Amino acid sequence: MDVYVINLDSQTDRLETMRRRVPGLKRIAAVNGWALAPDVLSRGRHFPCGYDLSPPEIGCLMSHRAAWTALIESGKPCGCVLEDDVLIAPDFTRLMAEDDWLPAAYDIVKIETTQKGILLDRLPAGRVENRKLHRLRSRHLAAGGYIVSRAGAEKLLALSETFPYPVDVLMFDHRVPEFWQLHIYQMTPALCVQAPYIGIHQSDSTIRDHRGRKPKHTLRHRLAKRLHDMKSWAMRPLNRSLSVPFA
């Protein structure tokens, strides 16, 4: 499958590092949120609905949307999307050479970990070599590395049209309704990780710096989040709690 790497024009060193690790990658020019026009930035303002996006968050979302669009235009059934600051496992390139190990029906396979506790289906839906694929049932933020199907990319473009949340919240937070409209699987052990999650100091990502100001949520928004939390807790006895390792 094609591997799309999101990379700002100014980050040439990161791109060269990724090219050494992932031969044949396809670069997606990242969007610099600070350079966006006011009318574009206004699309990320949702007060009083509950979420304001900062310029870098909008740029990050637009960058991932560009990757999803590139996949759809390629005509291929799936692709892998990476941010240019992830660390990848030695077998990454070998596993990306095939796609017959992916689940029969999926939108996203998250191949990244933050090494925080999450909920997964107890039984795997698939495996590849020593790695298993479990349905993801809870919040697991960060969007540094994932595989997306063509159908998943089409769903994500539709769900993100109004810039409702940061990209990782849209995709991997069980407290937003979009999460439940997607078939998301988690690979364990994970194939990639961002350096801070394994104790390696790294400057803040230039793609997604600065979480947006979060205004006081409306009652409707707070109740919706509480409902999704209750749903997740109700499912806990049926799920497996795990901190996904990177290996």
C-alpha atoms as a PDB file:
ATOM      1  CA  MET A   1       0.000   0.000   0.000  1.00  0.00           C
ATOM      2  CA  ASP A   2       1.078   3.605  -0.439  1.00  0.00           C
ATOM      3  CA  VAL A   3       2.474   5.411   2.595  1.00  0.00           C
ATOM      4  CA  TYR A   4       1.548   9.101   2.824  1.00  0.00           C
ATOM      5  CA  VAL A   5       3.776  11.270   5.018  1.00  0.00           C
ATOM      6  CA  ILE A   6       2.475  14.665   6.128  1.00  0.00           C
ATOM      7  CA  ASN A   7       5.334  17.148   6.102  1.00  0.00           C
ATOM      8  CA  LEU A   8       5.651  20.944   6.261  1.00  0.00           C
ATOM      9  CA  ASP A   9       7.746  22.573   3.546  1.00  0.00           C
ATOM     10  CA  SER A  10      10.117  23.910   6.202  1.00  0.00           C
ATOM     11  CA  GLN A  11      10.779  20.472   7.734  1.00  0.00           C
ATOM     12  CA  THR A  12      13.214  19.127   5.124  1.00  0.00           C
ATOM     13  CA  ASP A  13      15.298  17.223   7.698  1.00  0.00           C
ATOM     14  CA  ARG A  14      12.273  15.295   8.897  1.00  0.00           C
ATOM     15  CA  LEU A  15      11.338  14.421   5.339  1.00  0.00           C
ATOM     16  CA  GLU A  16      14.805  13.080   4.542  1.00  0.00           C
ATOM     17  CA  THR A  17      14.746  10.988   7.714  1.00  0.00           C
ATOM     18  CA  MET A  18      11.384   9.526   6.762  1.00  0.00           C
ATOM     19  CA  ARG A  19      12.560   8.811   3.211  1.00  0.00           C
ATOM     20  CA  ARG A  20      15.430   6.750   4.593  1.00  0.00           C
ATOM     21  CA  ARG A  21      13.008   4.789   6.760  1.00  0.00           C
ATOM     22  CA  VAL A  22      10.188   4.480   4.216  1.00  0.00           C
ATOM     23  CA  PRO A  23      11.465   4.212   0.622  1.00  0.00           C
ATOM     24  CA  GLY A  24       8.906   5.309  -1.965  1.00  0.00           C
ATOM     25  CA  LEU A  25       6.759   7.322   0.427  1.00  0.00           C
ATOM     26  CA  LYS A  26       4.313   9.860  -0.977  1.00  0.00           C
ATOM     27  CA  ARG A  27       4.671  13.300   0.579  1.00  0.00           C
ATOM     28  CA  ILE A  28       1.603  15.306   1.570  1.00  0.00           C
ATOM     29  CA  ALA A  29       2.409  18.990   1.922  1.00  0.00           C
ATOM     30  CA  ALA A  30       1.226  19.933   5.398  1.00  0.00           C
ATOM     31  CA  VAL A  31      -0.937  23.019   5.827  1.00  0.00           C
ATOM     32  CA  ASN A  32       0.527  25.785   7.978  1.00  0.00           C
ATOM     33  CA  GLY A  33      -2.444  26.847  10.072  1.00  0.00           C
ATOM     34  CA  TRP A  34      -0.886  30.174  10.981  1.00  0.00           C
ATOM     35  CA  ALA A  35      -0.894  31.161   7.292  1.00  0.00           C
ATOM     36  CA  LEU A  36      -4.582  30.424   6.699  1.00  0.00           C
ATOM     37  CA  ALA A  37      -7.016  33.162   5.745  1.00  0.00           C
ATOM     38  CA  PRO A  38      -9.490  34.386   8.414  1.00  0.00           C
ATOM     39  CA  ASP A  39     -12.479  32.921   6.572  1.00  0.00           C
ATOM     40  CA  VAL A  40     -10.878  29.456   6.681  1.00  0.00           C
ATOM     41  CA  LEU A  41      -9.974  29.789  10.353  1.00  0.00           C
ATOM     42  CA  SER A  42     -13.549  30.788  11.146  1.00  0.00           C
ATOM     43  CA  ARG A  43     -14.690  27.296  10.098  1.00  0.00           C
ATOM     44  CA  GLY A  44     -13.020  25.947  13.225  1.00  0.00           C
ATOM     45  CA  ARG A  45     -14.939  28.201  15.584  1.00  0.00           C
ATOM     46  CA  HIS A  46     -17.923  26.398  17.075  1.00  0.00           C
ATOM     47  CA  PHE A  47     -18.773  28.336  20.231  1.00  0.00           C
ATOM     48  CA  PRO A  48     -21.199  27.760  21.910  1.00  0.00           C
ATOM     49  CA  CYS A  49     -21.336  24.201  20.518  1.00  0.00           C
ATOM     50  CA  GLY A  50     -18.274  23.230  22.488  1.00  0.00           C
ATOM     51  CA  TYR A  51     -15.021  23.204  20.498  1.00  0.00           C
ATOM     52  CA  ASP A  52     -12.785  25.928  19.092  1.00  0.00           C
ATOM     53  CA  LEU A  53      -9.832  24.809  16.979  1.00  0.00           C
ATOM     54  CA  SER A  54      -6.530  26.685  17.011  1.00  0.00           C
ATOM     55  CA  PRO A  55      -4.880  27.548  13.667  1.00  0.00           C
ATOM     56  CA  PRO A  56      -2.385  24.640  13.941  1.00  0.00           C
ATOM     57  CA  GLU A  57      -5.238  22.216  14.718  1.00  0.00           C
ATOM     58  CA  ILE A  58      -7.093  23.398  11.620  1.00  0.00           C
ATOM     59  CA  GLY A  59      -3.916  23.061   9.552  1.00  0.00           C
ATOM     60  CA  CYS A  60      -3.374  19.547  10.901  1.00  0.00           C
ATOM     61  CA  LEU A  61      -6.945  18.522  10.064  1.00  0.00           C
ATOM     62  CA  MET A  62      -6.633  19.964   6.561  1.00  0.00           C
ATOM     63  CA  SER A  63      -3.361  18.084   6.082  1.00  0.00           C
ATOM     64  CA  HIS A  64      -4.970  14.755   6.961  1.00  0.00           C
ATOM     65  CA  ARG A  65      -7.908  15.597   4.691  1.00  0.00           C
ATOM     66  CA  ALA A  66      -5.384  16.075   1.884  1.00  0.00           C
ATOM     67  CA  ALA A  67      -3.988  12.606   2.574  1.00  0.00           C
ATOM     68  CA  TRP A  68      -7.477  11.055   2.509  1.00  0.00           C
ATOM     69  CA  THR A  69      -8.199  12.826  -0.769  1.00  0.00           C
ATOM     70  CA  ALA A  70      -4.929  11.564  -2.268  1.00  0.00           C
ATOM     71  CA  LEU A  71      -5.860   7.997  -1.338  1.00  0.00           C
ATOM     72  CA  ILE A  72      -9.278   8.287  -2.959  1.00  0.00           C
ATOM     73  CA  GLU A  73      -7.792   9.807  -6.116  1.00  0.00           C
ATOM     74  CA  SER A  74      -5.231   6.999  -6.314  1.00  0.00           C
ATOM     75  CA  GLY A  75      -7.985   4.435  -6.770  1.00  0.00           C
ATOM     76  CA  LYS A  76      -6.282   2.063  -4.335  1.00  0.00           C
ATOM     77  CA  PRO A  77      -8.226   0.235  -1.613  1.00  0.00           C
ATOM     78  CA  CYS A  78      -6.185   1.571   1.309  1.00  0.00           C
ATOM     79  CA  GLY A  79      -3.195   3.628   2.368  1.00  0.00           C
ATOM     80  CA  CYS A  80      -1.074   4.383   5.412  1.00  0.00           C
ATOM     81  CA  VAL A  81      -0.888   7.938   6.767  1.00  0.00           C
ATOM     82  CA  LEU A  82       2.056   9.052   8.910  1.00  0.00           C
ATOM     83  CA  GLU A  83       3.028  12.356  10.457  1.00  0.00           C
ATOM     84  CA  ASP A  84       6.689  13.096   9.861  1.00  0.00           C
ATOM     85  CA  ASP A  85       7.763  12.929  13.512  1.00  0.00           C
ATOM     86  CA  VAL A  86       6.802   9.322  14.293  1.00  0.00           C
ATOM     87  CA  LEU A  87       9.250   6.571  15.118  1.00  0.00           C
ATOM     88  CA  ILE A  88       8.580   3.335  13.244  1.00  0.00           C
ATOM     89  CA  ALA A  89       9.356  -0.308  13.966  1.00  0.00           C
ATOM     90  CA  PRO A  90      11.929  -2.200  11.841  1.00  0.00           C
ATOM     91  CA  ASP A  91       9.273  -4.355  10.160  1.00  0.00           C
ATOM     92  CA  PHE A  92       7.078  -1.397   9.136  1.00  0.00           C
ATOM     93  CA  THR A  93       8.058  -1.370   5.447  1.00  0.00           C
ATOM     94  CA  ARG A  94       7.707  -5.124   5.103  1.00  0.00           C
ATOM     95  CA  LEU A  95       4.189  -5.132   6.572  1.00  0.00           C
ATOM     96  CA  MET A  96       3.087  -2.183   4.429  1.00  0.00           C
ATOM     97  CA  ALA A  97       4.053  -4.126   1.294  1.00  0.00           C
ATOM     98  CA  GLU A  98       0.874  -6.234   1.609  1.00  0.00           C
ATOM     99  CA  ASP A  99      -2.699  -5.568   2.658  1.00  0.00           C
ATOM    100  CA  ASP A 100      -4.208  -9.063   2.791  1.00  0.00           C
ATOM    101  CA  TRP A 101      -3.851  -9.121   6.589  1.00  0.00           C
ATOM    102  CA  LEU A 102      -6.261  -6.230   7.144  1.00  0.00           C
ATOM    103  CA  PRO A 103      -9.716  -6.968   8.664  1.00  0.00           C
ATOM    104  CA  ALA A 104     -12.530  -7.843   6.273  1.00  0.00           C
ATOM    105  CA  ALA A 105     -14.503  -4.708   7.159  1.00  0.00           C
ATOM    106  CA  TYR A 106     -12.662  -1.694   8.543  1.00  0.00           C
ATOM    107  CA  ASP A 107     -12.383   2.052   8.147  1.00  0.00           C
ATOM    108  CA  ILE A 108      -9.219   2.660  10.168  1.00  0.00           C
ATOM    109  CA  VAL A 109      -6.463   0.516  11.651  1.00  0.00           C
ATOM    110  CA  LYS A 110      -4.512   2.535  14.210  1.00  0.00           C
ATOM    111  CA  ILE A 111      -0.894   1.385  14.133  1.00  0.00           C
ATOM    112  CA  GLU A 112       0.299   3.951  16.685  1.00  0.00           C
ATOM    113  CA  THR A 113       0.329   3.879  20.481  1.00  0.00           C
ATOM    114  CA  THR A 114       0.447   6.478  23.232  1.00  0.00           C
ATOM    115  CA  GLN A 115       1.047   3.691  25.776  1.00  0.00           C
ATOM    116  CA  LYS A 116      -1.995   4.754  27.774  1.00  0.00           C
ATOM    117  CA  GLY A 117      -4.723   2.386  28.909  1.00  0.00           C
ATOM    118  CA  ILE A 118      -7.456   1.762  26.345  1.00  0.00           C
ATOM    119  CA  LEU A 119     -10.324  -0.680  25.818  1.00  0.00           C
ATOM    120  CA  LEU A 120     -10.238  -3.284  23.053  1.00  0.00           C
ATOM    121  CA  ASP A 121     -12.408  -6.227  22.072  1.00  0.00           C
ATOM    122  CA  ARG A 122     -11.124  -9.284  23.895  1.00  0.00           C
ATOM    123  CA  LEU A 123     -10.799 -11.399  20.761  1.00  0.00           C
ATOM    124  CA  PRO A 124      -8.668 -10.216  17.832  1.00  0.00           C
ATOM    125  CA  ALA A 125     -10.263  -9.646  14.431  1.00  0.00           C
ATOM    126  CA  GLY A 126      -7.024 -10.500  12.662  1.00  0.00           C
ATOM    127  CA  ARG A 127      -3.287 -10.734  12.994  1.00  0.00           C
ATOM    128  CA  VAL A 128      -0.097 -10.286  11.038  1.00  0.00           C
ATOM    129  CA  GLU A 129       3.007 -12.063  12.229  1.00  0.00           C
ATOM    130  CA  ASN A 130       3.282 -11.304  15.975  1.00  0.00           C
ATOM    131  CA  ARG A 131       0.819  -8.391  15.887  1.00  0.00           C
ATOM    132  CA  LYS A 132      -2.916  -8.597  16.566  1.00  0.00           C
ATOM    133  CA  LEU A 133      -5.799  -6.384  15.458  1.00  0.00           C
ATOM    134  CA  HIS A 134      -8.538  -5.654  18.002  1.00  0.00           C
ATOM    135  CA  ARG A 135     -11.588  -3.435  17.638  1.00  0.00           C
ATOM    136  CA  LEU A 136     -10.939  -0.150  19.464  1.00  0.00           C
ATOM    137  CA  ARG A 137     -13.676   0.729  21.968  1.00  0.00           C
ATOM    138  CA  SER A 138     -12.357   3.772  23.822  1.00  0.00           C
ATOM    139  CA  ARG A 139     -10.395   6.996  23.516  1.00  0.00           C
ATOM    140  CA  HIS A 140      -6.864   6.675  22.110  1.00  0.00           C
ATOM    141  CA  LEU A 141      -5.763  10.091  20.892  1.00  0.00           C
ATOM    142  CA  ALA A 142      -2.920  10.983  18.472  1.00  0.00           C
ATOM    143  CA  ALA A 143      -3.075  10.554  14.696  1.00  0.00           C
ATOM    144  CA  GLY A 144       0.585  10.009  13.918  1.00  0.00           C
ATOM    145  CA  GLY A 145       0.121   6.653  12.216  1.00  0.00           C
ATOM    146  CA  TYR A 146      -2.860   4.731  10.843  1.00  0.00           C
ATOM    147  CA  ILE A 147      -4.090   2.742   7.870  1.00  0.00           C
ATOM    148  CA  VAL A 148      -7.309   3.951   6.278  1.00  0.00           C
ATOM    149  CA  SER A 149      -9.502   2.200   3.740  1.00  0.00           C
ATOM    150  CA  ARG A 150     -10.894   3.995   0.726  1.00  0.00           C
ATOM    151  CA  ALA A 151     -14.379   3.813   2.273  1.00  0.00           C
ATOM    152  CA  GLY A 152     -12.952   5.079   5.557  1.00  0.00           C
ATOM    153  CA  ALA A 153     -11.326   8.034   3.805  1.00  0.00           C
ATOM    154  CA  GLU A 154     -14.654   8.934   2.201  1.00  0.00           C
ATOM    155  CA  LYS A 155     -16.374   8.780   5.604  1.00  0.00           C
ATOM    156  CA  LEU A 156     -13.691  10.883   7.247  1.00  0.00           C
ATOM    157  CA  LEU A 157     -13.892  13.571   4.576  1.00  0.00           C
ATOM    158  CA  ALA A 158     -17.654  13.799   5.070  1.00  0.00           C
ATOM    159  CA  LEU A 159     -17.403  13.823   8.879  1.00  0.00           C
ATOM    160  CA  SER A 160     -14.697  16.509   8.909  1.00  0.00           C
ATOM    161  CA  GLU A 161     -16.272  18.882   6.394  1.00  0.00           C
ATOM    162  CA  THR A 162     -17.259  21.405   9.074  1.00  0.00           C
ATOM    163  CA  PHE A 163     -13.935  21.143  10.988  1.00  0.00           C
ATOM    164  CA  PRO A 164     -15.758  19.930  14.128  1.00  0.00           C
ATOM    165  CA  TYR A 165     -12.771  18.678  16.182  1.00  0.00           C
ATOM    166  CA  PRO A 166      -9.003  18.203  16.046  1.00  0.00           C
ATOM    167  CA  VAL A 167      -8.256  15.275  13.754  1.00  0.00           C
ATOM    168  CA  ASP A 168      -7.324  12.821  16.528  1.00  0.00           C
ATOM    169  CA  VAL A 169     -10.488  13.653  18.481  1.00  0.00           C
ATOM    170  CA  LEU A 170     -12.598  13.126  15.370  1.00  0.00           C
ATOM    171  CA  MET A 171     -11.041   9.720  14.746  1.00  0.00           C
ATOM    172  CA  PHE A 172     -10.118   8.319  18.138  1.00  0.00           C
ATOM    173  CA  ASP A 173     -12.259   9.801  20.918  1.00  0.00           C
ATOM    174  CA  HIS A 174     -15.250   7.712  22.009  1.00  0.00           C
ATOM    175  CA  ARG A 175     -16.912  10.819  23.481  1.00  0.00           C
ATOM    176  CA  VAL A 176     -17.782  12.245  20.063  1.00  0.00           C
ATOM    177  CA  PRO A 177     -20.511  10.655  17.915  1.00  0.00           C
ATOM    178  CA  GLU A 178     -18.243  10.361  14.859  1.00  0.00           C
ATOM    179  CA  PHE A 179     -16.203   7.679  16.644  1.00  0.00           C
ATOM    180  CA  TRP A 180     -19.178   5.317  16.677  1.00  0.00           C
ATOM    181  CA  GLN A 181     -19.758   5.770  12.943  1.00  0.00           C
ATOM    182  CA  LEU A 182     -16.331   4.324  12.145  1.00  0.00           C
ATOM    183  CA  HIS A 183     -15.001   0.759  12.292  1.00  0.00           C
ATOM    184  CA  ILE A 184     -11.668   1.282  14.048  1.00  0.00           C
ATOM    185  CA  TYR A 185      -9.102  -1.368  14.915  1.00  0.00           C
ATOM    186  CA  GLN A 186      -5.962  -1.136  17.010  1.00  0.00           C
ATOM    187  CA  MET A 187      -2.740  -2.979  16.212  1.00  0.00           C
ATOM    188  CA  THR A 188      -0.856  -4.407  19.170  1.00  0.00           C
ATOM    189  CA  PRO A 189       2.084  -4.214  19.509  1.00  0.00           C
ATOM    190  CA  ALA A 190       2.035  -0.927  17.604  1.00  0.00           C
ATOM    191  CA  LEU A 191       4.227  -0.163  14.592  1.00  0.00           C
ATOM    192  CA  CYS A 192       4.853   3.491  15.405  1.00  0.00           C
ATOM    193  CA  VAL A 193       4.956   5.974  18.246  1.00  0.00           C
ATOM    194  CA  GLN A 194       5.732   9.634  18.785  1.00  0.00           C
ATOM    195  CA  ALA A 195       8.946  10.142  20.749  1.00  0.00           C
ATOM    196  CA  PRO A 196       7.499  11.797  23.905  1.00  0.00           C
ATOM    197  CA  TYR A 197       5.338   8.731  24.580  1.00  0.00           C
ATOM    198  CA  ILE A 198       8.435   6.590  25.088  1.00  0.00           C
ATOM    199  CA  GLY A 199      10.331   9.175  27.102  1.00  0.00           C
ATOM    200  CA  ILE A 200      12.385  10.755  24.302  1.00  0.00           C
ATOM    201  CA  HIS A 201      12.497  14.545  24.395  1.00  0.00           C
ATOM    202  CA  GLN A 202      11.220  16.173  21.220  1.00  0.00           C
ATOM    203  CA  SER A 203      10.226  19.720  20.389  1.00  0.00           C
ATOM    204  CA  ASP A 204       6.498  20.274  19.896  1.00  0.00           C
ATOM    205  CA  SER A 205       5.127  19.161  16.568  1.00  0.00           C
ATOM    206  CA  THR A 206       5.014  22.040  14.121  1.00  0.00           C
ATOM    207  CA  ILE A 207       1.943  20.533  12.471  1.00  0.00           C
ATOM    208  CA  ARG A 208      -0.326  20.490  15.498  1.00  0.00           C
ATOM    209  CA  ASP A 209       1.106  22.920  18.069  1.00  0.00           C
ATOM    210  CA  HIS A 210      -1.240  24.424  20.636  1.00  0.00           C
ATOM    211  CA  ARG A 211      -4.569  22.917  21.483  1.00  0.00           C
ATOM    212  CA  GLY A 212      -7.375  25.337  20.793  1.00  0.00           C
ATOM    213  CA  ARG A 213      -9.157  27.294  23.487  1.00  0.00           C
ATOM    214  CA  LYS A 214     -11.960  25.124  24.804  1.00  0.00           C
ATOM    215  CA  PRO A 215     -14.968  27.282  25.680  1.00  0.00           C
ATOM    216  CA  LYS A 216     -17.453  26.358  28.355  1.00  0.00           C
ATOM    217  CA  HIS A 217     -19.494  23.500  26.957  1.00  0.00           C
ATOM    218  CA  THR A 218     -23.225  23.733  26.507  1.00  0.00           C
ATOM    219  CA  LEU A 219     -25.420  21.461  28.606  1.00  0.00           C
ATOM    220  CA  ARG A 220     -26.266  19.411  25.509  1.00  0.00           C
ATOM    221  CA  HIS A 221     -22.580  18.892  24.747  1.00  0.00           C
ATOM    222  CA  ARG A 222     -21.771  17.889  28.345  1.00  0.00           C
ATOM    223  CA  LEU A 223     -24.653  15.417  28.449  1.00  0.00           C
ATOM    224  CA  ALA A 224     -23.563  13.860  25.151  1.00  0.00           C
ATOM    225  CA  LYS A 225     -20.025  13.352  26.462  1.00  0.00           C
ATOM    226  CA  ARG A 226     -21.364  11.836  29.687  1.00  0.00           C
ATOM    227  CA  LEU A 227     -23.574   9.460  27.683  1.00  0.00           C
ATOM    228  CA  HIS A 228     -20.620   8.212  25.637  1.00  0.00           C
ATOM    229  CA  ASP A 229     -18.536   7.780  28.804  1.00  0.00           C
ATOM    230  CA  MET A 230     -21.326   5.708  30.348  1.00  0.00           C
ATOM    231  CA  LYS A 231     -21.534   3.610  27.198  1.00  0.00           C
ATOM    232  CA  SER A 232     -17.801   2.943  27.339  1.00  0.00           C
ATOM    233  CA  TRP A 233     -17.890   2.002  31.025  1.00  0.00           C
ATOM    234  CA  ALA A 234     -20.870  -0.293  30.443  1.00  0.00           C
ATOM    235  CA  MET A 235     -18.849  -2.154  27.819  1.00  0.00           C
ATOM    236  CA  ARG A 236     -15.763  -2.442  30.049  1.00  0.00           C
ATOM    237  CA  PRO A 237     -16.561  -5.964  31.375  1.00  0.00           C
ATOM    238  CA  LEU A 238     -16.788  -7.167  27.765  1.00  0.00           C
ATOM    239  CA  ASN A 239     -13.521  -5.577  26.710  1.00  0.00           C
ATOM    240  CA  ARG A 240      -9.840  -5.951  27.375  1.00  0.00           C
ATOM    241  CA  SER A 241      -7.997  -3.085  29.075  1.00  0.00           C
ATOM    242  CA  LEU A 242      -4.513  -2.687  27.662  1.00  0.00           C
ATOM    243  CA  SER A 243      -1.607  -0.276  27.322  1.00  0.00           C
ATOM    244  CA  VAL A 244      -0.461  -1.007  23.762  1.00  0.00           C
ATOM    245  CA  PRO A 245       3.324  -1.474  23.561  1.00  0.00           C
ATOM    246  CA  PHE A 246       5.577  -0.248  20.779  1.00  0.00           C
ATOM    247  CA  ALA A 247       7.822  -2.908  19.306  1.00  0.00           C
END
